[in-house]
Protein backbone atom coordinates (compact mmCIF):
# COMPACT_ATOMS: atom_id res chain seq x y z
CA MET A 1 105.49 106.75 108.47
CA LYS A 2 108.57 108.96 108.36
CA ARG A 3 108.11 112.21 106.50
CA ILE A 4 105.61 110.10 104.57
CA SER A 5 107.09 110.55 101.07
CA ALA A 6 110.43 109.10 102.10
CA ILE A 7 109.30 106.40 104.45
CA ILE A 8 106.14 104.86 103.07
CA ALA A 9 107.62 104.85 99.62
CA THR A 10 110.82 103.13 100.86
CA GLY A 11 108.96 100.58 102.97
CA LEU A 12 106.31 99.37 100.54
CA LEU A 13 106.74 97.87 97.07
CA VAL A 14 103.59 96.64 95.27
CA ALA A 15 102.89 96.88 91.51
CA GLY A 16 99.62 97.49 89.69
CA LEU A 17 97.53 99.72 87.44
CA ALA A 18 94.24 101.51 87.93
CA ALA A 19 92.33 104.45 86.58
CA CYS A 20 90.01 107.16 87.89
CA GLY A 21 86.76 105.69 88.91
CA SER A 22 83.57 106.27 90.91
CA SER A 23 82.19 104.72 94.01
CA ASN A 24 79.01 105.66 95.82
CA GLY A 25 80.29 104.86 99.24
CA GLY A 26 77.55 102.28 99.68
CA SER A 27 74.80 104.92 99.30
CA GLY A 28 73.38 103.72 95.99
CA ALA A 29 73.64 107.26 94.64
CA SER A 30 74.25 107.73 90.92
CA ASN A 31 76.45 110.31 89.26
CA SER A 32 73.73 111.18 86.80
CA GLY A 33 71.75 114.19 87.88
CA SER A 34 74.03 115.07 90.77
CA THR A 35 73.50 118.71 91.88
CA THR A 36 76.52 119.54 93.94
CA GLY A 37 76.03 122.82 95.74
CA SER A 38 72.25 122.82 95.34
CA SER A 39 70.53 124.86 98.06
CA ASP A 40 66.96 123.78 97.26
CA SER A 41 67.35 119.94 97.22
CA LYS A 42 68.95 117.11 99.07
CA GLY A 43 71.01 116.11 96.06
CA PRO A 44 74.28 114.17 96.64
CA ILE A 45 77.57 115.83 97.48
CA LYS A 46 80.38 114.89 95.10
CA LEU A 47 83.69 114.16 96.75
CA MET A 48 86.84 112.66 95.32
CA VAL A 49 89.55 110.68 97.03
CA ILE A 50 92.92 110.93 95.28
CA GLY A 51 95.80 108.63 96.19
CA ASP A 52 98.43 106.16 95.05
CA PHE A 53 96.09 103.16 95.22
CA GLN A 54 98.24 101.10 92.89
CA SER A 55 101.62 101.75 91.31
CA SER A 56 105.01 100.26 90.83
CA ILE A 57 106.39 102.53 93.61
CA LEU A 58 103.59 102.70 96.15
CA SER A 59 100.31 100.79 96.45
CA LEU A 60 97.87 101.75 99.15
CA PRO A 61 94.33 100.65 98.14
CA GLN A 62 93.24 101.26 101.71
CA ILE A 63 93.20 105.01 100.91
CA GLN A 64 90.21 104.49 98.61
CA ILE A 65 88.55 101.88 100.85
CA GLY A 66 88.84 104.07 103.94
CA ALA A 67 87.13 106.93 102.20
CA GLU A 68 84.38 104.71 100.81
CA ALA A 69 83.84 103.13 104.21
CA ALA A 70 83.39 106.51 105.90
CA ALA A 71 81.05 107.69 103.19
CA LYS A 72 78.95 104.54 103.52
CA GLU A 73 78.69 104.95 107.26
CA ILE A 74 77.81 108.65 106.98
CA ASN A 75 75.23 108.00 104.33
CA ALA A 76 73.64 105.27 106.43
CA ALA A 77 73.23 107.79 109.24
CA GLY A 78 71.48 110.31 106.94
CA GLY A 79 74.37 111.95 105.16
CA VAL A 80 75.68 115.46 105.72
CA ASN A 81 72.74 117.69 106.64
CA GLY A 82 70.52 115.27 104.69
CA HIS A 83 72.80 115.11 101.65
CA LYS A 84 74.34 111.74 100.74
CA ILE A 85 77.96 111.56 99.76
CA ASP A 86 78.76 110.41 96.18
CA MET A 87 82.40 109.27 96.55
CA LEU A 88 84.50 109.46 93.38
CA SER A 89 88.04 108.14 93.28
CA CYS A 90 91.19 108.55 91.22
CA ASN A 91 94.38 106.54 91.39
CA SER A 92 97.32 109.00 90.95
CA GLN A 93 99.62 105.98 90.38
CA ALA A 94 102.68 107.86 91.91
CA ASN A 95 102.90 109.55 88.53
CA VAL A 96 102.88 113.38 88.27
CA ASN A 97 101.03 113.40 84.99
CA VAL A 98 98.37 111.03 86.16
CA ALA A 99 98.07 113.03 89.37
CA ALA A 100 97.41 116.15 87.26
CA SER A 101 94.73 114.24 85.34
CA CYS A 102 93.07 113.39 88.65
CA ALA A 103 92.85 117.08 89.50
CA SER A 104 91.35 117.79 86.06
CA GLN A 105 88.82 115.03 86.64
CA ALA A 106 87.87 116.49 89.98
CA VAL A 107 87.32 119.89 88.34
CA ALA A 108 85.31 118.34 85.47
CA ASP A 109 83.14 116.43 87.90
CA HIS A 110 82.38 119.59 89.94
CA VAL A 111 83.36 117.98 93.24
CA SER A 112 82.82 119.94 96.43
CA ALA A 113 86.18 118.82 97.80
CA VAL A 114 88.94 116.31 97.51
CA VAL A 115 89.25 114.22 100.68
CA SER A 116 91.94 112.01 102.24
CA MET A 117 94.56 112.71 99.61
CA LEU A 118 97.78 110.69 99.90
CA THR A 119 100.04 110.74 96.88
CA LEU A 120 103.74 111.15 96.26
CA GLN A 121 102.90 113.45 93.40
CA GLY A 122 100.93 116.19 94.98
CA THR A 123 102.80 118.72 92.85
CA GLY A 124 100.76 117.42 89.95
CA VAL A 125 97.45 117.75 91.81
CA TRP A 126 97.64 121.16 93.42
CA PRO A 127 97.76 123.52 90.42
CA GLY A 128 94.47 122.27 89.00
CA LEU A 129 92.71 122.28 92.38
CA GLN A 130 94.11 125.65 93.25
CA ALA A 131 92.80 127.23 90.01
CA ALA A 132 89.35 125.81 90.71
CA GLY A 133 89.33 126.70 94.42
CA ILE A 134 88.72 123.09 95.47
CA PRO A 135 89.87 122.31 98.98
CA VAL A 136 91.60 119.08 100.09
CA ILE A 137 90.27 117.95 103.45
CA GLY A 138 92.09 115.25 105.45
CA THR A 139 95.33 115.68 103.44
CA GLU A 140 98.22 113.46 104.48
CA ALA A 141 101.04 115.89 104.37
CA VAL A 142 103.69 114.28 102.11
CA LEU A 143 105.08 117.36 100.35
CA PRO A 144 105.43 121.04 101.33
CA GLU A 145 102.39 121.84 99.18
CA ASP A 146 100.24 119.51 101.27
CA ALA A 147 101.30 121.19 104.49
CA ASN A 148 101.25 124.84 103.28
CA ASN A 149 98.64 125.28 100.55
CA ALA A 150 95.81 127.58 101.63
CA LEU A 151 93.26 125.03 100.46
CA SER A 152 94.78 122.15 102.43
CA TYR A 153 93.35 120.87 105.75
CA ALA A 154 95.95 118.32 106.69
CA ILE A 155 95.16 115.34 108.93
CA GLU A 156 98.73 114.40 109.82
CA SER A 157 102.35 115.28 109.30
CA THR A 158 105.35 112.97 109.88
CA PRO A 159 107.39 115.37 112.03
CA ILE A 160 104.56 115.40 114.54
CA LEU A 161 104.60 111.61 114.67
CA GLN A 162 108.34 111.41 114.98
CA ILE A 163 108.66 113.91 117.81
CA GLY A 164 105.49 112.38 119.28
CA GLN A 165 107.21 109.00 119.59
CA VAL A 166 109.39 110.61 122.22
CA LEU A 167 106.94 112.91 123.95
CA SER A 168 104.21 110.29 124.20
CA MET A 169 106.42 107.59 125.71
CA PRO A 170 105.84 107.41 129.44
CA GLY A 171 108.91 108.54 131.37
CA TRP A 172 110.78 109.92 128.40
CA GLN A 173 112.15 112.69 130.61
CA GLN A 174 113.80 110.06 132.84
CA CYS A 175 115.99 108.75 129.93
CA LYS A 176 119.61 109.55 130.93
CA ARG A 177 121.33 108.04 127.89
CA PRO A 178 118.91 108.22 124.98
CA GLY A 179 119.85 107.08 121.51
CA VAL A 180 118.45 108.05 118.08
CA LEU A 181 118.87 106.21 114.78
CA GLY A 182 118.65 108.54 111.80
CA LEU A 183 118.96 108.41 108.02
CA SER A 184 121.90 110.32 106.68
CA ASP A 185 120.67 110.22 103.09
CA ASN A 186 117.20 111.57 103.92
CA PRO A 187 117.46 115.27 104.92
CA LEU A 188 113.94 115.48 106.25
CA ALA A 189 114.16 112.34 108.42
CA LEU A 190 117.66 113.43 109.53
CA GLU A 191 116.27 116.80 110.65
CA ASP A 192 113.70 115.10 112.79
CA ALA A 193 116.37 112.97 114.44
CA GLN A 194 118.41 116.07 115.12
CA LYS A 195 115.30 117.69 116.70
CA ILE A 196 114.98 114.77 119.10
CA VAL A 197 118.65 115.31 120.12
CA GLN A 198 117.80 118.93 120.63
CA LEU A 199 114.71 118.06 122.66
CA TYR A 200 116.88 116.22 125.21
CA LYS A 201 119.59 118.90 125.15
CA ASP A 202 116.92 121.45 126.16
CA GLN A 203 115.97 119.53 129.28
CA THR A 204 116.99 120.65 132.79
CA PRO A 205 119.47 119.27 133.50
CA SER A 206 120.61 118.89 129.90
CA VAL A 207 120.80 115.34 128.48
CA THR A 208 123.12 114.33 125.69
CA ALA A 209 121.38 112.02 123.19
CA LYS A 210 123.58 109.83 121.04
CA MET A 211 122.79 109.73 117.33
CA VAL A 212 123.88 106.99 114.97
CA ASN A 213 123.13 107.35 111.27
CA VAL A 214 122.60 104.77 108.57
CA THR A 215 121.28 105.07 104.98
CA THR A 216 118.02 103.89 103.46
CA THR A 217 119.94 101.15 101.68
CA THR A 218 121.64 99.75 104.78
CA THR A 219 120.63 96.10 105.06
CA ASP A 220 122.57 95.01 108.13
CA LEU A 221 121.62 97.28 111.05
CA GLN A 222 123.31 95.24 113.71
CA PRO A 223 126.51 97.30 113.73
CA ALA A 224 124.55 100.50 114.10
CA VAL A 225 122.39 99.10 116.88
CA SER A 226 125.51 97.86 118.71
CA ALA A 227 127.12 101.30 118.42
CA LEU A 228 123.88 102.92 119.66
CA LEU A 229 123.67 100.64 122.72
CA GLN A 230 127.23 101.13 123.83
CA GLY A 231 127.72 103.05 127.04
CA GLY A 232 124.47 101.95 128.65
CA THR A 233 121.88 103.54 126.37
CA ASP A 234 118.54 103.37 128.19
CA CYS A 235 116.05 104.70 125.58
CA VAL A 236 116.03 104.21 121.80
CA PHE A 237 114.13 106.01 119.08
CA PRO A 238 114.57 104.70 115.50
CA LEU A 239 113.56 107.00 112.62
CA LEU A 240 114.19 104.61 109.72
CA THR A 241 112.08 102.82 107.16
CA PRO A 242 109.36 100.48 108.40
CA THR A 243 111.63 97.49 107.63
CA GLY A 244 114.49 99.19 109.37
CA ASP A 245 112.48 100.03 112.51
CA LEU A 246 111.26 96.46 112.81
CA SER A 247 114.87 95.21 112.51
CA VAL A 248 115.95 97.59 115.26
CA ILE A 249 113.12 96.41 117.53
CA GLN A 250 114.31 92.84 116.99
CA ALA A 251 117.95 93.69 117.57
CA VAL A 252 117.39 95.78 120.68
CA GLY A 253 114.94 93.28 122.11
CA THR A 254 117.42 90.43 121.89
CA SER A 255 120.48 92.44 122.98
CA GLY A 256 120.04 91.56 126.68
CA GLN A 257 120.13 95.20 127.57
CA LYS A 258 117.24 96.88 129.36
CA VAL A 259 116.07 99.58 126.97
CA LYS A 260 112.83 101.50 126.50
CA MET A 261 111.84 102.14 122.90
CA GLY A 262 109.46 104.45 121.16
CA VAL A 263 108.46 103.97 117.52
CA VAL A 264 105.86 105.31 115.11
CA SER A 265 102.95 102.86 114.88
CA ALA A 266 102.82 102.86 111.09
CA ASP A 267 106.39 101.51 111.06
CA ALA A 268 105.47 98.86 113.64
CA PRO A 269 102.03 97.48 112.93
CA LEU A 270 100.55 95.12 115.55
CA ALA A 271 100.78 92.12 113.25
CA ASN A 272 104.56 92.70 112.88
CA LEU A 273 105.03 93.15 116.58
CA VAL A 274 103.23 89.87 117.16
CA GLN A 275 105.60 88.18 114.72
CA ILE A 276 108.63 89.52 116.53
CA GLY A 277 107.19 88.29 119.80
CA ALA A 278 109.18 88.50 123.02
CA ALA A 279 111.73 90.93 121.64
CA ALA A 280 108.99 93.49 121.05
CA GLN A 281 107.40 93.34 124.47
CA GLY A 282 107.18 96.74 126.11
CA VAL A 283 107.72 98.75 122.90
CA TYR A 284 105.79 102.01 122.88
CA VAL A 285 104.13 103.17 119.64
CA ASP A 286 102.60 106.53 118.90
CA THR A 287 99.83 107.25 116.46
CA LEU A 288 97.49 110.06 115.55
CA PHE A 289 94.61 107.56 115.68
CA GLN A 290 93.00 105.24 118.22
CA GLU A 291 94.07 101.67 117.42
CA PRO A 292 91.29 99.50 115.95
CA GLY A 293 90.01 97.04 118.54
CA THR A 294 90.80 99.21 121.62
CA SER A 295 88.03 100.09 123.98
CA ALA A 296 88.52 103.74 123.22
CA ALA A 297 87.98 103.24 119.48
CA ALA A 298 84.22 102.98 119.47
CA SER A 299 83.71 103.58 115.82
CA THR A 300 82.76 100.84 113.41
CA PHE A 301 85.84 101.56 111.26
CA VAL A 302 86.98 97.90 110.95
CA SER A 303 83.55 96.49 110.11
CA GLU A 304 82.87 99.24 107.58
CA MET A 305 86.20 98.64 105.86
CA LYS A 306 85.58 94.94 105.69
CA SER A 307 82.10 95.56 104.32
CA VAL A 308 83.58 97.49 101.42
CA ASP A 309 86.50 95.08 100.81
CA PRO A 310 86.86 91.99 103.01
CA SER A 311 90.48 91.56 102.04
CA ILE A 312 91.64 95.08 102.74
CA VAL A 313 94.55 95.80 105.06
CA ILE A 314 93.41 97.45 108.31
CA ASP A 315 96.07 100.04 109.25
CA ALA A 316 96.75 103.71 109.98
CA VAL A 317 96.63 104.60 106.23
CA GLY A 318 93.00 103.39 106.04
CA GLU A 319 92.26 105.17 109.33
CA ALA A 320 93.61 108.48 108.00
CA SER A 321 91.46 108.22 104.88
CA TYR A 322 88.37 107.33 106.91
CA VAL A 323 88.99 110.27 109.26
CA GLY A 324 89.43 112.66 106.32
CA VAL A 325 85.89 112.13 105.15
CA TYR A 326 84.53 112.63 108.69
CA MET A 327 86.54 115.91 108.84
CA PHE A 328 84.58 117.04 105.82
CA ALA A 329 81.25 115.89 107.26
CA GLU A 330 81.79 117.53 110.61
CA GLY A 331 83.19 120.74 109.20
CA THR A 332 80.34 121.32 106.69
CA LYS A 333 77.39 119.80 108.58
CA SER A 334 75.58 123.19 108.61
CA LEU A 335 75.75 123.71 104.84
CA SER A 336 72.92 123.27 102.37
CA ASN A 337 74.98 124.51 99.37
CA PHE A 338 78.23 122.57 99.06
CA SER A 339 80.13 124.62 96.49
CA PRO A 340 83.90 124.59 96.97
CA SER A 341 83.94 128.16 98.19
CA ASN A 342 81.20 127.47 100.73
CA VAL A 343 83.05 124.40 101.91
CA VAL A 344 86.20 126.47 102.44
CA LYS A 345 84.23 129.06 104.45
CA ALA A 346 82.63 126.42 106.58
CA MET A 347 85.95 124.67 107.32
CA ASN A 348 87.60 127.97 108.22
CA SER A 349 84.88 128.81 110.70
CA ALA A 350 84.35 125.28 112.07
CA GLY A 351 86.51 125.69 115.17
CA VAL A 352 87.77 122.59 116.92
CA ILE A 353 86.07 119.41 115.73
CA THR A 354 86.23 115.81 116.93
CA VAL A 355 85.95 112.87 114.57
CA PRO A 356 86.01 109.04 115.12
CA LEU A 357 89.38 107.47 115.86
CA TYR A 358 91.04 110.86 116.11
CA GLY A 359 91.49 113.53 118.75
CA PRO A 360 90.42 117.16 118.44
CA VAL A 361 91.56 118.92 115.29
CA GLY A 362 91.37 122.61 114.40
CA PRO A 363 90.50 125.43 114.53
CA PHE A 364 91.36 125.81 110.83
CA THR A 365 92.78 129.29 110.94
CA ALA A 366 94.68 130.76 108.02
CA ASN A 367 98.01 129.80 109.62
CA SER A 368 98.79 127.16 112.17
CA GLY A 369 101.72 129.26 113.45
CA LEU A 370 104.46 126.92 112.34
CA PRO A 371 106.47 128.28 109.40
CA THR A 372 106.93 124.94 107.55
CA LEU A 373 103.62 123.38 108.44
CA THR A 374 101.22 126.31 108.12
CA ARG A 375 98.20 124.10 107.27
CA VAL A 376 98.67 121.30 109.83
CA PHE A 377 96.22 121.74 112.70
CA GLY A 378 96.31 118.43 114.61
CA TYR A 379 98.87 117.94 117.37
CA SER A 380 97.29 115.17 119.45
CA VAL A 381 98.94 111.69 119.61
CA TYR A 382 97.94 108.42 121.19
CA SER A 383 100.40 106.16 122.85
CA TYR A 384 100.22 102.36 123.17
CA GLU A 385 102.46 99.67 124.74
CA PHE A 386 102.84 96.26 123.16
CA LYS A 387 101.94 93.69 125.83
CA GLY A 388 101.30 89.98 125.13
CA LYS A 389 99.79 90.08 121.64
CA THR A 390 98.02 93.38 121.80
CA LEU A 391 98.48 97.12 122.15
CA VAL A 392 97.18 98.73 125.35
CA PRO A 393 96.90 102.45 126.04
CA SER A 394 99.96 103.78 127.73
CA TYR A 395 97.87 106.35 129.67
CA THR A 396 94.66 105.52 131.49
CA SER A 397 93.58 108.97 132.56
CA ALA A 398 91.06 110.57 130.21
CA SER A 399 92.81 113.87 130.79
CA GLN A 400 96.06 112.51 129.32
CA GLU A 401 94.70 110.77 126.23
CA PRO A 402 95.23 111.94 123.58
CA LEU A 403 98.38 113.91 124.36
CA ASN A 404 98.66 117.39 122.87
CA ILE A 405 102.29 118.01 121.86
CA ARG A 406 101.86 121.37 120.20
CA SER A 407 103.78 123.36 122.78
CA ALA A 408 106.95 121.26 122.74
CA PHE A 409 106.68 120.73 118.98
CA SER A 410 106.39 124.47 118.38
CA GLN A 411 109.45 125.19 120.48
CA LEU A 412 111.46 122.81 118.21
CA PHE A 413 110.10 123.80 114.84
CA GLY A 414 108.75 127.31 115.41
């Protein structure tokens, strides 16, 4: 999940059509008679999830299913301060005009908030939501608007993941000849690669990291990998597309050279690592979420996802959407009136909150302190190592997991 717009879009191609719709998150609530913001009843809270569920460019139905799964689970536990969630949905179809219509629909439906938004066309969504004062909670920061709009409460940002793939890898400071693979035709991904080089340069003593660049259309990565490994490279960090990162894992793993490797988990899902097999053994992956199935991930995320859609893909995209709804529930749990303005006030005063599958996030101050990511408040990453056919936590001490990388990240990007 590079700077998500460039990487997810490059790595996934699925076609389809869908329209704005409504789901009750398993609560059985009806849209008729909804009294969003009512202070004298326990009427349902209208939320809307907006995302590229299906399109010719990007299709991620797990965005919708993740939000519905969280709403179903929250409703079964009594809702938010006794109010059930009525989860509406709108497929932005990776189309700026459709995205704008999703925002219009959210305004017309009087939603309290948009949750778990992941679309390549956020520029179409934000003007309508901004005018209505509707916050977006659990945003996946794809575009500058997502990471900087005053009404955005972002759940993740790709630069944090990409820098985190280094900082979360055990022993990264011991790498004497690190190598980075970047994308020369993607300025944002290229910047992150350059930041990793800078990270090593700033060590004491200074370490020179080799950087080899390819393009998003490069199909044969073997020459680049060979160039990267020359001279005894001991650590490798690919910042390519998901397909590219998997190819690098295969190439490095079969090179015969002893190399540690850190990758972003969304680019190297467990199922793909299992397919690669022996060549992927020992690869470290970083993620903002606890991996489903690990002992630390006590939530019922997987079962709730399957209860909504038995065929749905279980991955970090679904996790992010699920977590976004929980961010809303935790941040507004003291409210009785869920008007958008009240939701904003509650989120801004919520302090640090903890939600299933995710580390601490917040406090949601007006400015995170980072000039290009002013509305990104989560800097905790989890690290796993691929062993056998599973991912195991890289760190066993509760004080180390998750790892907060804000200090190092701020020095690079501040």
